Amino acid sequence: MIGVGESIVLEWTPLNACRRRLVFEPRDLGGWTRTEEERRDEEWRVVDREVVTHVELESSGSDGDSGVTTYRGP
């Protein structure tokens, strides 16, 4: 589980493209700031940013079970 004030980061490398990531940071006023970034010249550069009200992260466990965890801003 994510603790108060912790960010969620997802990074990936598309085929034939620069590395990208999504960063969800909790806001003091509630919700999250979602920032999409692209890796260029050894630096992360912001591509897009918006405030979102809630974030869900779904993943499959090693035993094949899937679960949904919902994270909400402070």
PDB file of N, CA and C in Angstrom:
ATOM      1  N   MET A   1       0.836  -1.183   0.000  1.00  0.00           N
ATOM      2  CA  MET A   1       0.000   0.000   0.000  1.00  0.00           C
ATOM      3  C   MET A   1       0.875   1.237   0.000  1.00  0.00           C
ATOM      4  N   ILE A   2       0.431   2.248  -0.656  1.00  0.00           N
ATOM      5  CA  ILE A   2       1.177   3.498  -0.745  1.00  0.00           C
ATOM      6  C   ILE A   2       0.885   4.346   0.489  1.00  0.00           C
ATOM      7  N   GLY A   3       1.938   4.879   1.086  1.00  0.00           N
ATOM      8  CA  GLY A   3       1.773   5.722   2.264  1.00  0.00           C
ATOM      9  C   GLY A   3       1.403   7.151   1.883  1.00  0.00           C
ATOM     10  N   VAL A   4       0.983   7.925   2.870  1.00  0.00           N
ATOM     11  CA  VAL A   4       0.608   9.320   2.661  1.00  0.00           C
ATOM     12  C   VAL A   4       1.806  10.085   2.103  1.00  0.00           C
ATOM     13  N   GLY A   5       1.573  10.851   1.063  1.00  0.00           N
ATOM     14  CA  GLY A   5       2.621  11.671   0.475  1.00  0.00           C
ATOM     15  C   GLY A   5       3.519  10.964  -0.520  1.00  0.00           C
ATOM     16  N   GLU A   6       3.310   9.665  -0.762  1.00  0.00           N
ATOM     17  CA  GLU A   6       4.148   8.927  -1.708  1.00  0.00           C
ATOM     18  C   GLU A   6       3.585   9.015  -3.118  1.00  0.00           C
ATOM     19  N   SER A   7       4.476   9.007  -4.088  1.00  0.00           N
ATOM     20  CA  SER A   7       4.099   9.060  -5.498  1.00  0.00           C
ATOM     21  C   SER A   7       3.979   7.660  -6.080  1.00  0.00           C
ATOM     22  N   ILE A   8       3.247   7.564  -7.194  1.00  0.00           N
ATOM     23  CA  ILE A   8       3.164   6.341  -7.992  1.00  0.00           C
ATOM     24  C   ILE A   8       3.846   6.653  -9.316  1.00  0.00           C
ATOM     25  N   VAL A   9       4.790   5.817  -9.734  1.00  0.00           N
ATOM     26  CA  VAL A   9       5.532   6.055 -10.972  1.00  0.00           C
ATOM     27  C   VAL A   9       5.476   4.801 -11.840  1.00  0.00           C
ATOM     28  N   LEU A  10       5.130   4.971 -13.115  1.00  0.00           N
ATOM     29  CA  LEU A  10       5.114   3.894 -14.094  1.00  0.00           C
ATOM     30  C   LEU A  10       6.016   4.325 -15.249  1.00  0.00           C
ATOM     31  N   GLU A  11       7.054   3.529 -15.550  1.00  0.00           N
ATOM     32  CA  GLU A  11       7.976   3.837 -16.647  1.00  0.00           C
ATOM     33  C   GLU A  11       7.918   2.735 -17.694  1.00  0.00           C
ATOM     34  N   TRP A  12       8.104   3.129 -18.962  1.00  0.00           N
ATOM     35  CA  TRP A  12       8.135   2.162 -20.046  1.00  0.00           C
ATOM     36  C   TRP A  12       8.936   2.736 -21.214  1.00  0.00           C
ATOM     37  N   THR A  13       9.360   1.848 -22.110  1.00  0.00           N
ATOM     38  CA  THR A  13      10.057   2.262 -23.326  1.00  0.00           C
ATOM     39  C   THR A  13       9.285   1.729 -24.525  1.00  0.00           C
ATOM     40  N   PRO A  14       8.669   2.624 -25.308  1.00  0.00           N
ATOM     41  CA  PRO A  14       7.971   2.198 -26.516  1.00  0.00           C
ATOM     42  C   PRO A  14       8.967   1.720 -27.572  1.00  0.00           C
ATOM     43  N   LEU A  15       8.504   0.887 -28.469  1.00  0.00           N
ATOM     44  CA  LEU A  15       9.320   0.435 -29.581  1.00  0.00           C
ATOM     45  C   LEU A  15       9.682   1.652 -30.441  1.00  0.00           C
ATOM     46  N   ASN A  16      10.961   1.854 -30.717  1.00  0.00           N
ATOM     47  CA  ASN A  16      11.433   2.958 -31.563  1.00  0.00           C
ATOM     48  C   ASN A  16      11.046   4.343 -31.051  1.00  0.00           C
ATOM     49  N   ALA A  17      11.072   4.542 -29.733  1.00  0.00           N
ATOM     50  CA  ALA A  17      10.720   5.850 -29.165  1.00  0.00           C
ATOM     51  C   ALA A  17      11.500   6.069 -27.868  1.00  0.00           C
ATOM     52  N   CYS A  18      11.430   7.287 -27.359  1.00  0.00           N
ATOM     53  CA  CYS A  18      12.108   7.635 -26.108  1.00  0.00           C
ATOM     54  C   CYS A  18      11.369   7.035 -24.914  1.00  0.00           C
ATOM     55  N   ARG A  19      12.107   6.771 -23.856  1.00  0.00           N
ATOM     56  CA  ARG A  19      11.531   6.263 -22.608  1.00  0.00           C
ATOM     57  C   ARG A  19      10.510   7.269 -22.093  1.00  0.00           C
ATOM     58  N   ARG A  20       9.428   6.773 -21.492  1.00  0.00           N
ATOM     59  CA  ARG A  20       8.355   7.638 -20.967  1.00  0.00           C
ATOM     60  C   ARG A  20       8.006   7.205 -19.552  1.00  0.00           C
ATOM     61  N   ARG A  21       7.327   8.081 -18.847  1.00  0.00           N
ATOM     62  CA  ARG A  21       6.816   7.708 -17.525  1.00  0.00           C
ATOM     63  C   ARG A  21       5.611   8.568 -17.171  1.00  0.00           C
ATOM     64  N   LEU A  22       4.767   7.983 -16.316  1.00  0.00           N
ATOM     65  CA  LEU A  22       3.652   8.688 -15.682  1.00  0.00           C
ATOM     66  C   LEU A  22       3.973   8.776 -14.201  1.00  0.00           C
ATOM     67  N   VAL A  23       3.809   9.962 -13.634  1.00  0.00           N
ATOM     68  CA  VAL A  23       4.044  10.173 -12.212  1.00  0.00           C
ATOM     69  C   VAL A  23       2.754  10.729 -11.621  1.00  0.00           C
ATOM     70  N   PHE A  24       2.228  10.052 -10.599  1.00  0.00           N
ATOM     71  CA  PHE A  24       1.048  10.527  -9.877  1.00  0.00           C
ATOM     72  C   PHE A  24       1.505  10.966  -8.493  1.00  0.00           C
ATOM     73  N   GLU A  25       1.351  12.264  -8.201  1.00  0.00           N
ATOM     74  CA  GLU A  25       1.772  12.800  -6.905  1.00  0.00           C
ATOM     75  C   GLU A  25       0.550  13.310  -6.151  1.00  0.00           C
ATOM     76  N   PRO A  26       0.385  12.899  -4.883  1.00  0.00           N
ATOM     77  CA  PRO A  26      -0.768  13.365  -4.115  1.00  0.00           C
ATOM     78  C   PRO A  26      -0.694  14.868  -3.876  1.00  0.00           C
ATOM     79  N   ARG A  27      -1.856  15.518  -3.912  1.00  0.00           N
ATOM     80  CA  ARG A  27      -1.955  16.968  -3.686  1.00  0.00           C
ATOM     81  C   ARG A  27      -2.467  17.241  -2.279  1.00  0.00           C
ATOM     82  N   ASP A  28      -2.006  18.319  -1.689  1.00  0.00           N
ATOM     83  CA  ASP A  28      -2.465  18.711  -0.353  1.00  0.00           C
ATOM     84  C   ASP A  28      -3.966  19.000  -0.329  1.00  0.00           C
ATOM     85  N   LEU A  29      -4.512  19.486  -1.443  1.00  0.00           N
ATOM     86  CA  LEU A  29      -5.934  19.823  -1.526  1.00  0.00           C
ATOM     87  C   LEU A  29      -6.812  18.646  -1.921  1.00  0.00           C
ATOM     88  N   GLY A  30      -6.212  17.461  -2.074  1.00  0.00           N
ATOM     89  CA  GLY A  30      -6.940  16.273  -2.494  1.00  0.00           C
ATOM     90  C   GLY A  30      -6.685  15.971  -3.958  1.00  0.00           C
ATOM     91  N   GLY A  31      -6.886  14.747  -4.331  1.00  0.00           N
ATOM     92  CA  GLY A  31      -6.621  14.329  -5.695  1.00  0.00           C
ATOM     93  C   GLY A  31      -5.133  14.134  -5.936  1.00  0.00           C
ATOM     94  N   TRP A  32      -4.779  14.049  -7.210  1.00  0.00           N
ATOM     95  CA  TRP A  32      -3.409  13.770  -7.613  1.00  0.00           C
ATOM     96  C   TRP A  32      -3.021  14.671  -8.772  1.00  0.00           C
ATOM     97  N   THR A  33      -1.745  14.967  -8.897  1.00  0.00           N
ATOM     98  CA  THR A  33      -1.225  15.598 -10.100  1.00  0.00           C
ATOM     99  C   THR A  33      -0.619  14.491 -10.951  1.00  0.00           C
ATOM    100  N   ARG A  34      -1.132  14.346 -12.189  1.00  0.00           N
ATOM    101  CA  ARG A  34      -0.611  13.352 -13.116  1.00  0.00           C
ATOM    102  C   ARG A  34       0.321  14.068 -14.088  1.00  0.00           C
ATOM    103  N   THR A  35       1.577  13.639 -14.122  1.00  0.00           N
ATOM    104  CA  THR A  35       2.561  14.234 -15.019  1.00  0.00           C
ATOM    105  C   THR A  35       3.085  13.158 -15.958  1.00  0.00           C
ATOM    106  N   GLU A  36       3.005  13.432 -17.264  1.00  0.00           N
ATOM    107  CA  GLU A  36       3.588  12.535 -18.254  1.00  0.00           C
ATOM    108  C   GLU A  36       4.900  13.155 -18.711  1.00  0.00           C
ATOM    109  N   GLU A  37       5.967  12.341 -18.700  1.00  0.00           N
ATOM    110  CA  GLU A  37       7.290  12.841 -19.053  1.00  0.00           C
ATOM    111  C   GLU A  37       7.945  11.938 -20.087  1.00  0.00           C
ATOM    112  N   GLU A  38       8.877  12.515 -20.843  1.00  0.00           N
ATOM    113  CA  GLU A  38       9.636  11.791 -21.853  1.00  0.00           C
ATOM    114  C   GLU A  38      11.118  12.011 -21.576  1.00  0.00           C
ATOM    115  N   ARG A  39      11.923  10.960 -21.717  1.00  0.00           N
ATOM    116  CA  ARG A  39      13.361  11.035 -21.462  1.00  0.00           C
ATOM    117  C   ARG A  39      14.082  11.453 -22.742  1.00  0.00           C
ATOM    118  N   ARG A  40      14.698  12.634 -22.720  1.00  0.00           N
ATOM    119  CA  ARG A  40      15.462  13.142 -23.865  1.00  0.00           C
ATOM    120  C   ARG A  40      16.745  13.775 -23.356  1.00  0.00           C
ATOM    121  N   ASP A  41      17.841  13.449 -24.012  1.00  0.00           N
ATOM    122  CA  ASP A  41      19.149  14.017 -23.637  1.00  0.00           C
ATOM    123  C   ASP A  41      19.448  13.823 -22.155  1.00  0.00           C
ATOM    124  N   GLU A  42      19.143  12.617 -21.655  1.00  0.00           N
ATOM    125  CA  GLU A  42      19.432  12.251 -20.261  1.00  0.00           C
ATOM    126  C   GLU A  42      18.623  13.037 -19.227  1.00  0.00           C
ATOM    127  N   GLU A  43      17.539  13.700 -19.643  1.00  0.00           N
ATOM    128  CA  GLU A  43      16.682  14.447 -18.710  1.00  0.00           C
ATOM    129  C   GLU A  43      15.219  14.098 -18.968  1.00  0.00           C
ATOM    130  N   TRP A  44      14.412  14.121 -17.893  1.00  0.00           N
ATOM    131  CA  TRP A  44      12.974  13.944 -18.033  1.00  0.00           C
ATOM    132  C   TRP A  44      12.360  15.291 -18.385  1.00  0.00           C
ATOM    133  N   ARG A  45      11.548  15.323 -19.446  1.00  0.00           N
ATOM    134  CA  ARG A  45      10.885  16.552 -19.891  1.00  0.00           C
ATOM    135  C   ARG A  45       9.372  16.347 -19.843  1.00  0.00           C
ATOM    136  N   VAL A  46       8.662  17.320 -19.281  1.00  0.00           N
ATOM    137  CA  VAL A  46       7.211  17.228 -19.134  1.00  0.00           C
ATOM    138  C   VAL A  46       6.543  17.320 -20.503  1.00  0.00           C
ATOM    139  N   VAL A  47       5.652  16.348 -20.768  1.00  0.00           N
ATOM    140  CA  VAL A  47       4.871  16.309 -21.999  1.00  0.00           C
ATOM    141  C   VAL A  47       3.456  16.811 -21.725  1.00  0.00           C
ATOM    142  N   ASP A  48       2.907  16.448 -20.553  1.00  0.00           N
ATOM    143  CA  ASP A  48       1.531  16.808 -20.200  1.00  0.00           C
ATOM    144  C   ASP A  48       1.383  16.754 -18.684  1.00  0.00           C
ATOM    145  N   ARG A  49       0.464  17.551 -18.156  1.00  0.00           N
ATOM    146  CA  ARG A  49       0.206  17.542 -16.714  1.00  0.00           C
ATOM    147  C   ARG A  49      -1.256  17.921 -16.476  1.00  0.00           C
ATOM    148  N   GLU A  50      -1.894  17.220 -15.523  1.00  0.00           N
ATOM    149  CA  GLU A  50      -3.274  17.537 -15.161  1.00  0.00           C
ATOM    150  C   GLU A  50      -3.554  17.061 -13.743  1.00  0.00           C
ATOM    151  N   VAL A  51      -4.613  17.594 -13.140  1.00  0.00           N
ATOM    152  CA  VAL A  51      -5.069  17.151 -11.821  1.00  0.00           C
ATOM    153  C   VAL A  51      -6.149  16.100 -12.037  1.00  0.00           C
ATOM    154  N   VAL A  52      -6.033  14.969 -11.321  1.00  0.00           N
ATOM    155  CA  VAL A  52      -7.037  13.906 -11.394  1.00  0.00           C
ATOM    156  C   VAL A  52      -7.586  13.643  -9.997  1.00  0.00           C
ATOM    157  N   THR A  53      -8.817  13.141  -9.924  1.00  0.00           N
ATOM    158  CA  THR A  53      -9.454  12.944  -8.623  1.00  0.00           C
ATOM    159  C   THR A  53      -9.110  11.633  -7.957  1.00  0.00           C
ATOM    160  N   HIS A  54      -8.877  10.586  -8.764  1.00  0.00           N
ATOM    161  CA  HIS A  54      -8.498   9.318  -8.140  1.00  0.00           C
ATOM    162  C   HIS A  54      -7.730   8.448  -9.110  1.00  0.00           C
ATOM    163  N   VAL A  55      -6.950   7.532  -8.545  1.00  0.00           N
ATOM    164  CA  VAL A  55      -6.057   6.680  -9.329  1.00  0.00           C
ATOM    165  C   VAL A  55      -6.318   5.233  -8.945  1.00  0.00           C
ATOM    166  N   GLU A  56      -6.417   4.352  -9.936  1.00  0.00           N
ATOM    167  CA  GLU A  56      -6.508   2.919  -9.682  1.00  0.00           C
ATOM    168  C   GLU A  56      -5.329   2.241 -10.364  1.00  0.00           C
ATOM    169  N   LEU A  57      -4.750   1.279  -9.700  1.00  0.00           N
ATOM    170  CA  LEU A  57      -3.639   0.517 -10.248  1.00  0.00           C
ATOM    171  C   LEU A  57      -4.006  -0.954 -10.165  1.00  0.00           C
ATOM    172  N   GLU A  58      -4.024  -1.631 -11.313  1.00  0.00           N
ATOM    173  CA  GLU A  58      -4.390  -3.042 -11.350  1.00  0.00           C
ATOM    174  C   GLU A  58      -3.197  -3.838 -11.848  1.00  0.00           C
ATOM    175  N   SER A  59      -2.902  -4.926 -11.162  1.00  0.00           N
ATOM    176  CA  SER A  59      -1.806  -5.785 -11.601  1.00  0.00           C
ATOM    177  C   SER A  59      -2.151  -7.233 -11.301  1.00  0.00           C
ATOM    178  N   SER A  60      -1.525  -8.135 -12.039  1.00  0.00           N
ATOM    179  CA  SER A  60      -1.706  -9.561 -11.809  1.00  0.00           C
ATOM    180  C   SER A  60      -0.600 -10.052 -10.899  1.00  0.00           C
ATOM    181  N   GLY A  61      -0.949 -10.859  -9.929  1.00  0.00           N
ATOM    182  CA  GLY A  61       0.036 -11.440  -9.041  1.00  0.00           C
ATOM    183  C   GLY A  61       0.780 -12.573  -9.723  1.00  0.00           C
ATOM    184  N   SER A  62       1.837 -13.030  -9.121  1.00  0.00           N
ATOM    185  CA  SER A  62       2.640 -14.102  -9.719  1.00  0.00           C
ATOM    186  C   SER A  62       1.857 -15.416  -9.809  1.00  0.00           C
ATOM    187  N   ASP A  63       0.806 -15.547  -8.994  1.00  0.00           N
ATOM    188  CA  ASP A  63      -0.001 -16.769  -9.036  1.00  0.00           C
ATOM    189  C   ASP A  63      -1.159 -16.656 -10.034  1.00  0.00           C
ATOM    190  N   GLY A  64      -1.196 -15.532 -10.799  1.00  0.00           N
ATOM    191  CA  GLY A  64      -2.233 -15.366 -11.807  1.00  0.00           C
ATOM    192  C   GLY A  64      -3.463 -14.635 -11.303  1.00  0.00           C
ATOM    193  N   ASP A  65      -3.581 -14.457  -9.973  1.00  0.00           N
ATOM    194  CA  ASP A  65      -4.711 -13.706  -9.428  1.00  0.00           C
ATOM    195  C   ASP A  65      -4.533 -12.229  -9.758  1.00  0.00           C
ATOM    196  N   SER A  66      -5.620 -11.546 -10.038  1.00  0.00           N
ATOM    197  CA  SER A  66      -5.532 -10.105 -10.251  1.00  0.00           C
ATOM    198  C   SER A  66      -6.311  -9.414  -9.149  1.00  0.00           C
ATOM    199  N   GLY A  67      -5.905  -8.204  -8.846  1.00  0.00           N
ATOM    200  CA  GLY A  67      -6.586  -7.437  -7.826  1.00  0.00           C
ATOM    201  C   GLY A  67      -6.559  -5.976  -8.191  1.00  0.00           C
ATOM    202  N   VAL A  68      -7.484  -5.235  -7.663  1.00  0.00           N
ATOM    203  CA  VAL A  68      -7.548  -3.803  -7.911  1.00  0.00           C
ATOM    204  C   VAL A  68      -7.327  -3.087  -6.594  1.00  0.00           C
ATOM    205  N   THR A  69      -6.416  -2.139  -6.606  1.00  0.00           N
ATOM    206  CA  THR A  69      -6.166  -1.301  -5.441  1.00  0.00           C
ATOM    207  C   THR A  69      -6.467   0.129  -5.835  1.00  0.00           C
ATOM    208  N   THR A  70      -7.221   0.825  -5.024  1.00  0.00           N
ATOM    209  CA  THR A  70      -7.579   2.207  -5.314  1.00  0.00           C
ATOM    210  C   THR A  70      -6.840   3.126  -4.359  1.00  0.00           C
ATOM    211  N   TYR A  71      -6.174   4.122  -4.916  1.00  0.00           N
ATOM    212  CA  TYR A  71      -5.467   5.122  -4.133  1.00  0.00           C
ATOM    213  C   TYR A  71      -6.147   6.458  -4.325  1.00  0.00           C
ATOM    214  N   ARG A  72      -6.360   7.200  -3.263  1.00  0.00           N
ATOM    215  CA  ARG A  72      -6.950   8.533  -3.346  1.00  0.00           C
ATOM    216  C   ARG A  72      -6.025   9.522  -2.653  1.00  0.00           C
ATOM    217  N   GLY A  73      -6.071  10.757  -3.111  1.00  0.00           N
ATOM    218  CA  GLY A  73      -5.223  11.806  -2.532  1.00  0.00           C
ATOM    219  C   GLY A  73      -5.525  12.031  -1.067  1.00  0.00           C
ATOM    220  N   PRO A  74      -4.628  12.732  -0.399  1.00  0.00           N
ATOM    221  CA  PRO A  74      -4.788  12.961   1.044  1.00  0.00           C
ATOM    222  C   PRO A  74      -6.045  13.723   1.382  1.00  0.00           C
TER     223      PRO A  74
END
